[in-house]
Amino acid sequence: MIRSVLRAGAIAALASLPIACSSTPDAVDIETPTTTEAPRHVDMSDRPHVTFDPCHHLGDEVMRSAGYDPGTKESTDFLADSYTTLGCMWKTDPRQYRITVLSSNFTADEQRERFSEHTTSIPVAGSEAIRLIDPDMPDECADIVATEFGAVLINRLDQNLMTGGATPEQRCAGMDETVEIILDAMNAPR
């Protein structure tokens, strides 16, 4: 339980610390909802509104096709006056993986700058993503994808690697396919 609380805090911190940077990777073209759906949270900053809500827009079939149990869905929102991070977490059955999808109005460049010594650029689903391999989190792999409103961070924890010593390849095995499923769902008409 304490580890889950600490990880939730680390994930929120990952998405909540802005740093300026000038280059911008290709943004995923997130379609604006076709209904008059208002953003679930509007902060008081000048940042764009977060238009993709993982708990609402990633349906059960999408998460099932990515290998996650829809019945384990939990909100992981981190709301503040100066930014918005809407998040959702799912687990696999059996409980090897936990994935958290965070949608934030912080930019991918801000995240790249913040974690610059632990990131590399990778292609995912025709877009550029930032892969984060943090040595302090030896059982996790995260991809950050630029969007029109900021960035989406997809963080996967592998409970079989909790003892550490895994290579980046082991930590991120299968991550590209999972991220592609999520990006496809983000781009689907709503």
Protein backbone atom coordinates (compact mmCIF):
# COMPACT_ATOMS: atom_id res chain seq x y z
CA MET A 1 0.00 0.00 0.00
CA ILE A 2 2.76 2.46 0.90
CA ARG A 3 4.55 1.61 -2.36
CA SER A 4 1.35 2.38 -4.32
CA VAL A 5 0.95 5.73 -2.56
CA LEU A 6 4.60 6.60 -3.18
CA ARG A 7 4.33 5.61 -6.85
CA ALA A 8 1.12 7.63 -7.28
CA GLY A 9 2.98 10.61 -5.82
CA ALA A 10 5.94 10.01 -8.13
CA ILE A 11 3.66 9.78 -11.17
CA ALA A 12 1.86 12.98 -10.17
CA ALA A 13 5.21 14.69 -9.65
CA LEU A 14 6.34 13.50 -13.06
CA ALA A 15 3.43 15.23 -14.71
CA SER A 16 3.40 18.28 -12.47
CA LEU A 17 6.81 19.90 -12.69
CA PRO A 18 7.14 22.38 -15.55
CA ILE A 19 10.48 23.31 -17.11
CA ALA A 20 10.84 25.38 -20.28
CA CYS A 21 12.27 23.88 -23.46
CA SER A 22 12.07 24.96 -27.07
CA SER A 23 11.77 21.91 -29.36
CA THR A 24 8.43 20.18 -29.81
CA PRO A 25 7.98 16.57 -30.94
CA ASP A 26 5.16 15.76 -33.34
CA ALA A 27 1.90 16.13 -31.46
CA VAL A 28 -0.72 13.41 -31.61
CA ASP A 29 -3.76 14.90 -33.31
CA ILE A 30 -6.37 14.39 -30.60
CA GLU A 31 -9.75 15.08 -32.11
CA THR A 32 -12.00 17.52 -30.29
CA PRO A 33 -15.10 15.75 -28.96
CA THR A 34 -18.03 16.01 -31.38
CA THR A 35 -20.45 16.69 -28.54
CA THR A 36 -20.53 19.77 -26.34
CA GLU A 37 -18.56 17.84 -23.75
CA ALA A 38 -16.84 20.28 -21.39
CA PRO A 39 -13.45 19.49 -19.89
CA ARG A 40 -13.86 17.72 -16.54
CA HIS A 41 -11.41 20.08 -14.87
CA VAL A 42 -10.46 23.59 -15.93
CA ASP A 43 -7.48 25.05 -14.09
CA MET A 44 -6.79 28.75 -13.69
CA SER A 45 -3.65 28.80 -15.84
CA ASP A 46 -3.19 30.00 -19.40
CA ARG A 47 -2.47 26.41 -20.44
CA PRO A 48 -4.85 24.65 -22.88
CA HIS A 49 -7.77 22.65 -21.51
CA VAL A 50 -7.14 18.91 -21.26
CA THR A 51 -9.55 17.38 -23.77
CA PHE A 52 -8.60 13.72 -23.33
CA ASP A 53 -9.78 12.03 -20.13
CA PRO A 54 -8.27 8.52 -19.86
CA CYS A 55 -10.91 7.15 -17.46
CA HIS A 56 -13.70 8.40 -19.69
CA HIS A 57 -12.25 8.00 -23.21
CA LEU A 58 -10.37 4.69 -22.89
CA GLY A 59 -13.21 2.20 -22.89
CA ASP A 60 -13.29 -1.33 -21.53
CA GLU A 61 -12.70 -2.92 -24.95
CA VAL A 62 -9.63 -0.75 -25.58
CA MET A 63 -8.06 -1.64 -22.26
CA ARG A 64 -9.03 -5.32 -22.62
CA SER A 65 -7.33 -5.38 -26.06
CA ALA A 66 -4.21 -3.92 -24.41
CA GLY A 67 -4.29 -6.78 -21.89
CA TYR A 68 -5.70 -4.90 -18.88
CA ASP A 69 -8.69 -5.77 -16.71
CA PRO A 70 -11.35 -3.01 -17.05
CA GLY A 71 -12.69 -3.95 -13.61
CA THR A 72 -9.51 -2.63 -11.98
CA LYS A 73 -9.88 0.93 -13.32
CA GLU A 74 -9.04 3.66 -10.78
CA SER A 75 -8.92 7.42 -11.20
CA THR A 76 -5.51 8.99 -10.55
CA ASP A 77 -6.35 12.63 -11.22
CA PHE A 78 -4.06 15.34 -9.89
CA LEU A 79 -5.93 18.62 -10.06
CA ALA A 80 -4.54 22.04 -9.21
CA ASP A 81 -5.18 25.69 -10.02
CA SER A 82 -2.08 26.00 -12.24
CA TYR A 83 -2.34 22.77 -14.26
CA THR A 84 -4.52 19.75 -14.92
CA THR A 85 -3.55 16.08 -14.93
CA LEU A 86 -6.38 13.62 -15.54
CA GLY A 87 -5.33 10.05 -14.96
CA CYS A 88 -6.51 6.49 -14.85
CA MET A 89 -4.88 3.22 -13.80
CA TRP A 90 -5.59 -0.41 -14.75
CA LYS A 91 -4.02 -3.76 -13.83
CA THR A 92 -3.58 -6.99 -15.74
CA ASP A 93 -5.00 -10.29 -14.61
CA PRO A 94 -2.89 -11.98 -13.28
CA ARG A 95 -1.48 -8.89 -11.58
CA GLN A 96 1.89 -8.55 -13.34
CA TYR A 97 1.41 -5.09 -14.86
CA ARG A 98 -0.14 -1.84 -13.75
CA ILE A 99 -0.55 0.92 -16.31
CA THR A 100 -1.29 4.55 -15.58
CA VAL A 101 -2.35 6.94 -18.34
CA LEU A 102 -2.01 10.62 -17.46
CA SER A 103 -3.34 13.38 -19.69
CA SER A 104 -1.88 16.76 -18.78
CA ASN A 105 -1.57 20.31 -20.01
CA PHE A 106 2.17 20.19 -19.32
CA THR A 107 4.06 19.79 -22.55
CA ALA A 108 6.17 16.84 -23.60
CA ASP A 109 9.11 19.23 -23.87
CA GLU A 110 8.72 20.21 -20.22
CA GLN A 111 8.85 16.54 -19.26
CA ARG A 112 11.80 15.88 -21.59
CA GLU A 113 13.74 18.73 -19.97
CA ARG A 114 12.83 17.64 -16.44
CA PHE A 115 14.04 14.08 -17.00
CA SER A 116 16.57 14.76 -19.77
CA GLU A 117 19.25 12.38 -18.54
CA HIS A 118 16.78 9.48 -18.49
CA THR A 119 14.91 10.02 -21.77
CA THR A 120 15.32 9.05 -25.41
CA SER A 121 13.17 9.80 -28.45
CA ILE A 122 11.39 6.82 -29.98
CA PRO A 123 8.88 6.38 -32.80
CA VAL A 124 5.47 5.07 -31.71
CA ALA A 125 2.42 4.76 -33.97
CA GLY A 126 3.79 7.27 -36.48
CA SER A 127 4.56 9.89 -33.85
CA GLU A 128 7.59 10.75 -31.80
CA ALA A 129 7.42 9.76 -28.17
CA ILE A 130 9.78 10.25 -25.27
CA ARG A 131 10.78 7.06 -23.48
CA LEU A 132 11.60 7.56 -19.81
CA ILE A 133 13.76 4.95 -18.09
CA ASP A 134 14.28 6.24 -14.56
CA PRO A 135 16.94 4.26 -12.66
CA ASP A 136 15.15 5.10 -9.40
CA MET A 137 12.09 3.18 -10.65
CA PRO A 138 13.68 -0.12 -11.79
CA ASP A 139 10.35 -1.81 -12.53
CA GLU A 140 8.82 0.91 -14.70
CA CYS A 141 8.80 2.11 -18.29
CA ALA A 142 7.09 5.33 -19.38
CA ASP A 143 6.33 6.94 -22.73
CA ILE A 144 5.38 10.60 -23.08
CA VAL A 145 3.55 11.71 -26.22
CA ALA A 146 2.94 15.33 -27.22
CA THR A 147 -0.69 16.36 -27.79
CA GLU A 148 -2.43 19.56 -28.85
CA PHE A 149 -3.19 20.33 -25.18
CA GLY A 150 0.10 19.18 -23.62
CA ALA A 151 1.15 15.57 -23.21
CA VAL A 152 -0.06 12.08 -22.40
CA LEU A 153 2.18 9.98 -20.19
CA ILE A 154 1.77 6.21 -20.25
CA ASN A 155 3.58 4.58 -17.34
CA ARG A 156 3.77 0.81 -16.87
CA LEU A 157 4.95 -0.98 -13.74
CA ASP A 158 6.04 -4.62 -14.00
CA GLN A 159 5.63 -6.26 -10.60
CA ASN A 160 7.86 -9.15 -11.67
CA LEU A 161 10.79 -6.71 -11.89
CA MET A 162 10.41 -5.10 -8.46
CA THR A 163 13.74 -6.44 -7.26
CA GLY A 164 15.60 -4.37 -9.89
CA GLY A 165 18.40 -5.32 -12.23
CA ALA A 166 16.21 -5.38 -15.35
CA THR A 167 17.57 -3.88 -18.56
CA PRO A 168 15.63 -1.07 -20.30
CA GLU A 169 14.63 -3.62 -22.94
CA GLN A 170 13.18 -5.92 -20.28
CA ARG A 171 11.39 -3.05 -18.55
CA CYS A 172 9.79 -1.85 -21.79
CA ALA A 173 9.08 -5.20 -23.50
CA GLY A 174 5.67 -4.93 -25.20
CA MET A 175 5.26 -1.25 -24.30
CA ASP A 176 5.21 -0.04 -27.94
CA GLU A 177 2.18 -2.22 -28.71
CA THR A 178 0.32 -1.02 -25.60
CA VAL A 179 1.04 2.63 -26.37
CA GLU A 180 -0.09 2.16 -29.97
CA ILE A 181 -3.46 0.74 -28.80
CA ILE A 182 -3.94 3.72 -26.47
CA LEU A 183 -2.93 6.27 -29.14
CA ASP A 184 -5.31 4.66 -31.65
CA ALA A 185 -8.13 5.00 -29.11
CA MET A 186 -7.20 8.62 -28.43
CA ASN A 187 -7.52 9.40 -32.14
CA ALA A 188 -10.82 7.55 -32.57
CA PRO A 189 -13.91 9.75 -33.01
CA ARG A 190 -15.82 10.25 -29.81
